[in-house]
Amino acid sequence: KFTSCFVLLYFTLFSYAQIEVNSDATADQLIETLVGAGVEISNVNINCPDVSYGTFSGTSNMGIDNGIILTSGDAKLAQGPNNEEGAYLNNFSWVEDDDLQALIPDYDIMDACIVEFDFVPQGDSLSFQYVFGSEEYPEFLEGDFNDVFGFFVSGPGINGEFSKGAKNIAVVPGTNLPVSIQT
């Protein structure tokens, strides 16, 4: 089986967490951290500034003690404390993506951080954990901005409405609503 995975992310991380962010990880190291053992990866592509992604580890209030971090700004700001409004650094990537735009059609996509890769699992199942956070919550709730997270998976047996037949698996539990500061 060959499956493609598209992780599209548009947000700035939030809150105070006892984590360390390593922004020196290569694209392959980043995805190896995400998928772990038993998964063959290839065709890794990251479309955002180097400062906007990395790996993290440590005790956190996110429920995940290590993984990757993708932001619309400086990933190191997630180390906290972030206790002031507007404590962010735009990455000014101006990346556009039709699938991500489809999740929030009433908003413009800006400062996205997109990771795409192909993977082949050695087993018959695969799971991912993610936490979505936004420095813009709650200031822009019901406002002019909407940070959103998309986790698009495509491949054999997947028939979604996004590019390459992908399905967005980042939805509010029990709904089809995309994960965003508005939902």
Protein backbone atom coordinates (compact mmCIF):
# COMPACT_ATOMS: atom_id res chain seq x y z
CA LYS A 1 0.00 0.00 0.00
CA PHE A 2 1.15 3.49 -0.77
CA THR A 3 -0.51 6.44 0.94
CA SER A 4 0.12 10.17 0.76
CA CYS A 5 -0.34 12.41 3.73
CA PHE A 6 -0.69 16.17 3.60
CA VAL A 7 -0.48 18.08 6.84
CA LEU A 8 -1.63 21.63 6.30
CA LEU A 9 -1.46 23.95 9.14
CA TYR A 10 -2.21 27.59 9.71
CA PHE A 11 -1.83 28.72 13.26
CA THR A 12 0.36 30.13 15.98
CA LEU A 13 0.83 28.02 19.09
CA PHE A 14 -0.52 29.14 22.37
CA SER A 15 -0.23 29.14 26.05
CA TYR A 16 2.57 28.33 28.44
CA ALA A 17 4.14 24.92 28.16
CA GLN A 18 7.24 23.37 29.72
CA ILE A 19 8.68 22.29 26.39
CA GLU A 20 11.85 22.74 24.41
CA VAL A 21 11.64 23.44 20.70
CA ASN A 22 14.41 22.31 18.36
CA SER A 23 14.18 24.31 15.15
CA ASP A 24 17.30 22.68 13.66
CA ALA A 25 15.55 19.47 12.56
CA THR A 26 15.77 18.58 8.86
CA ALA A 27 12.60 17.84 6.92
CA ASP A 28 13.21 14.08 7.13
CA GLN A 29 13.97 14.24 10.89
CA LEU A 30 10.77 16.20 11.41
CA ILE A 31 8.62 13.57 9.73
CA GLU A 32 10.51 10.66 11.34
CA THR A 33 9.57 12.23 14.69
CA LEU A 34 5.93 12.41 13.57
CA VAL A 35 5.54 8.88 12.21
CA GLY A 36 7.85 6.91 14.51
CA ALA A 37 9.05 3.35 13.90
CA GLY A 38 7.46 1.00 11.39
CA VAL A 39 6.66 3.61 8.75
CA GLU A 40 8.63 4.20 5.56
CA ILE A 41 8.62 7.86 4.49
CA SER A 42 9.59 9.59 1.25
CA ASN A 43 9.01 12.80 -0.72
CA VAL A 44 9.07 15.09 2.33
CA ASN A 45 8.34 18.71 1.48
CA ILE A 46 8.01 21.59 3.94
CA ASN A 47 6.60 24.88 2.66
CA CYS A 48 7.21 27.52 5.33
CA PRO A 49 10.16 29.41 6.80
CA ASP A 50 12.69 27.40 8.87
CA VAL A 51 11.77 29.37 12.00
CA SER A 52 8.15 28.14 11.77
CA TYR A 53 8.66 24.43 12.42
CA GLY A 54 10.66 22.03 14.56
CA THR A 55 10.46 19.19 17.03
CA PHE A 56 9.46 19.58 20.66
CA SER A 57 9.91 17.58 23.83
CA GLY A 58 9.20 17.99 27.52
CA THR A 59 6.31 18.05 29.92
CA SER A 60 3.47 20.08 28.51
CA ASN A 61 -0.13 21.00 29.10
CA MET A 62 -0.94 19.70 25.61
CA GLY A 63 -1.22 16.00 26.46
CA ILE A 64 1.64 15.14 24.11
CA ASP A 65 5.19 15.18 25.45
CA ASN A 66 7.07 15.11 22.14
CA GLY A 67 6.41 15.56 18.46
CA ILE A 68 6.55 18.18 15.76
CA ILE A 69 5.44 21.77 15.92
CA LEU A 70 4.22 23.81 12.95
CA THR A 71 3.35 27.48 13.33
CA SER A 72 2.50 30.59 11.39
CA GLY A 73 5.26 32.39 13.27
CA ASP A 74 8.31 31.52 15.38
CA ALA A 75 8.02 27.98 16.77
CA LYS A 76 10.27 28.87 19.73
CA LEU A 77 7.53 31.17 21.07
CA ALA A 78 5.62 28.01 22.05
CA GLN A 79 8.15 27.51 24.85
CA GLY A 80 6.34 30.34 26.62
CA PRO A 81 5.34 32.05 28.60
CA ASN A 82 3.02 33.66 26.10
CA ASN A 83 0.92 35.91 28.27
CA GLU A 84 0.49 38.97 26.08
CA GLU A 85 -1.81 39.63 23.14
CA GLY A 86 -0.16 39.53 19.73
CA ALA A 87 3.01 37.76 20.94
CA TYR A 88 3.87 36.30 17.58
CA LEU A 89 6.21 36.68 14.68
CA ASN A 90 4.57 36.34 11.27
CA ASN A 91 6.38 34.02 8.92
CA PHE A 92 5.04 35.97 5.93
CA SER A 93 4.97 32.83 3.82
CA TRP A 94 1.84 33.84 1.91
CA VAL A 95 1.45 30.17 1.02
CA GLU A 96 -1.83 29.45 -0.72
CA ASP A 97 -3.50 26.06 -0.76
CA ASP A 98 -6.88 25.19 -2.25
CA ASP A 99 -7.60 22.41 0.25
CA LEU A 100 -6.80 24.55 3.28
CA GLN A 101 -8.79 27.44 1.80
CA ALA A 102 -11.79 25.11 1.36
CA LEU A 103 -11.85 24.54 5.12
CA ILE A 104 -12.40 28.25 5.83
CA PRO A 105 -13.81 29.77 2.62
CA ASP A 106 -14.78 33.08 4.26
CA TYR A 107 -11.18 33.84 5.30
CA ASP A 108 -7.91 34.46 3.46
CA ILE A 109 -5.07 31.99 3.96
CA MET A 110 -1.88 33.71 5.17
CA ASP A 111 1.29 32.53 6.89
CA ALA A 112 0.58 28.83 6.37
CA CYS A 113 3.03 26.10 7.28
CA ILE A 114 2.53 23.05 5.06
CA VAL A 115 4.19 19.65 5.39
CA GLU A 116 3.61 16.97 2.77
CA PHE A 117 5.04 13.47 2.64
CA ASP A 118 4.37 9.97 1.39
CA PHE A 119 4.37 7.04 3.77
CA VAL A 120 3.98 3.28 3.76
CA PRO A 121 3.14 1.66 7.12
CA GLN A 122 4.50 -1.81 7.85
CA GLY A 123 1.27 -2.75 9.64
CA ASP A 124 -2.39 -2.52 8.75
CA SER A 125 -3.25 0.49 10.91
CA LEU A 126 -1.83 3.89 11.74
CA SER A 127 -2.76 6.58 14.22
CA PHE A 128 -1.79 10.21 14.79
CA GLN A 129 -2.26 12.48 17.77
CA TYR A 130 -2.41 16.23 17.33
CA VAL A 131 -3.10 19.30 19.38
CA PHE A 132 -4.26 22.52 17.78
CA GLY A 133 -3.58 25.82 19.45
CA SER A 134 -3.66 29.43 18.40
CA GLU A 135 -2.09 32.55 19.83
CA GLU A 136 -5.03 34.36 18.24
CA TYR A 137 -7.56 32.65 20.51
CA PRO A 138 -9.64 34.15 22.03
CA GLU A 139 -8.78 37.64 20.69
CA PHE A 140 -10.05 36.87 17.18
CA LEU A 141 -12.92 34.57 18.08
CA GLU A 142 -15.84 35.70 15.90
CA GLY A 143 -13.41 38.16 14.31
CA ASP A 144 -11.62 38.84 11.06
CA PHE A 145 -9.05 36.05 11.43
CA ASN A 146 -9.45 32.29 11.71
CA ASP A 147 -6.53 29.96 12.34
CA VAL A 148 -7.23 26.47 10.98
CA PHE A 149 -5.62 23.04 10.96
CA GLY A 150 -5.99 20.47 8.19
CA PHE A 151 -4.64 16.92 8.22
CA PHE A 152 -5.27 15.52 4.75
CA VAL A 153 -4.75 11.83 4.02
CA SER A 154 -5.05 10.23 0.57
CA GLY A 155 -4.32 6.82 -0.89
CA PRO A 156 -5.93 3.46 -1.69
CA GLY A 157 -9.46 3.17 -0.29
CA ILE A 158 -9.72 6.86 0.62
CA ASN A 159 -12.31 8.86 -1.32
CA GLY A 160 -12.37 12.40 0.03
CA GLU A 161 -13.38 15.72 -1.50
CA PHE A 162 -9.91 17.29 -1.45
CA SER A 163 -6.93 17.14 -3.85
CA LYS A 164 -5.89 13.62 -4.87
CA GLY A 165 -9.09 12.28 -3.26
CA ALA A 166 -7.81 13.25 0.20
CA LYS A 167 -9.92 13.33 3.34
CA ASN A 168 -9.39 15.85 6.16
CA ILE A 169 -9.13 13.88 9.40
CA ALA A 170 -8.73 16.99 11.58
CA VAL A 171 -12.36 17.61 12.49
CA VAL A 172 -14.16 18.48 15.71
CA PRO A 173 -15.13 15.12 17.25
CA GLY A 174 -18.62 13.98 16.26
CA THR A 175 -18.88 16.55 13.44
CA ASN A 176 -17.50 17.38 10.00
CA LEU A 177 -16.35 20.83 11.19
CA PRO A 178 -12.68 21.62 10.53
CA VAL A 179 -10.47 22.32 13.55
CA SER A 180 -10.10 26.10 13.88
CA ILE A 181 -10.35 28.89 16.44
CA GLN A 182 -13.95 29.40 15.31
CA THR A 183 -14.90 25.78 16.06
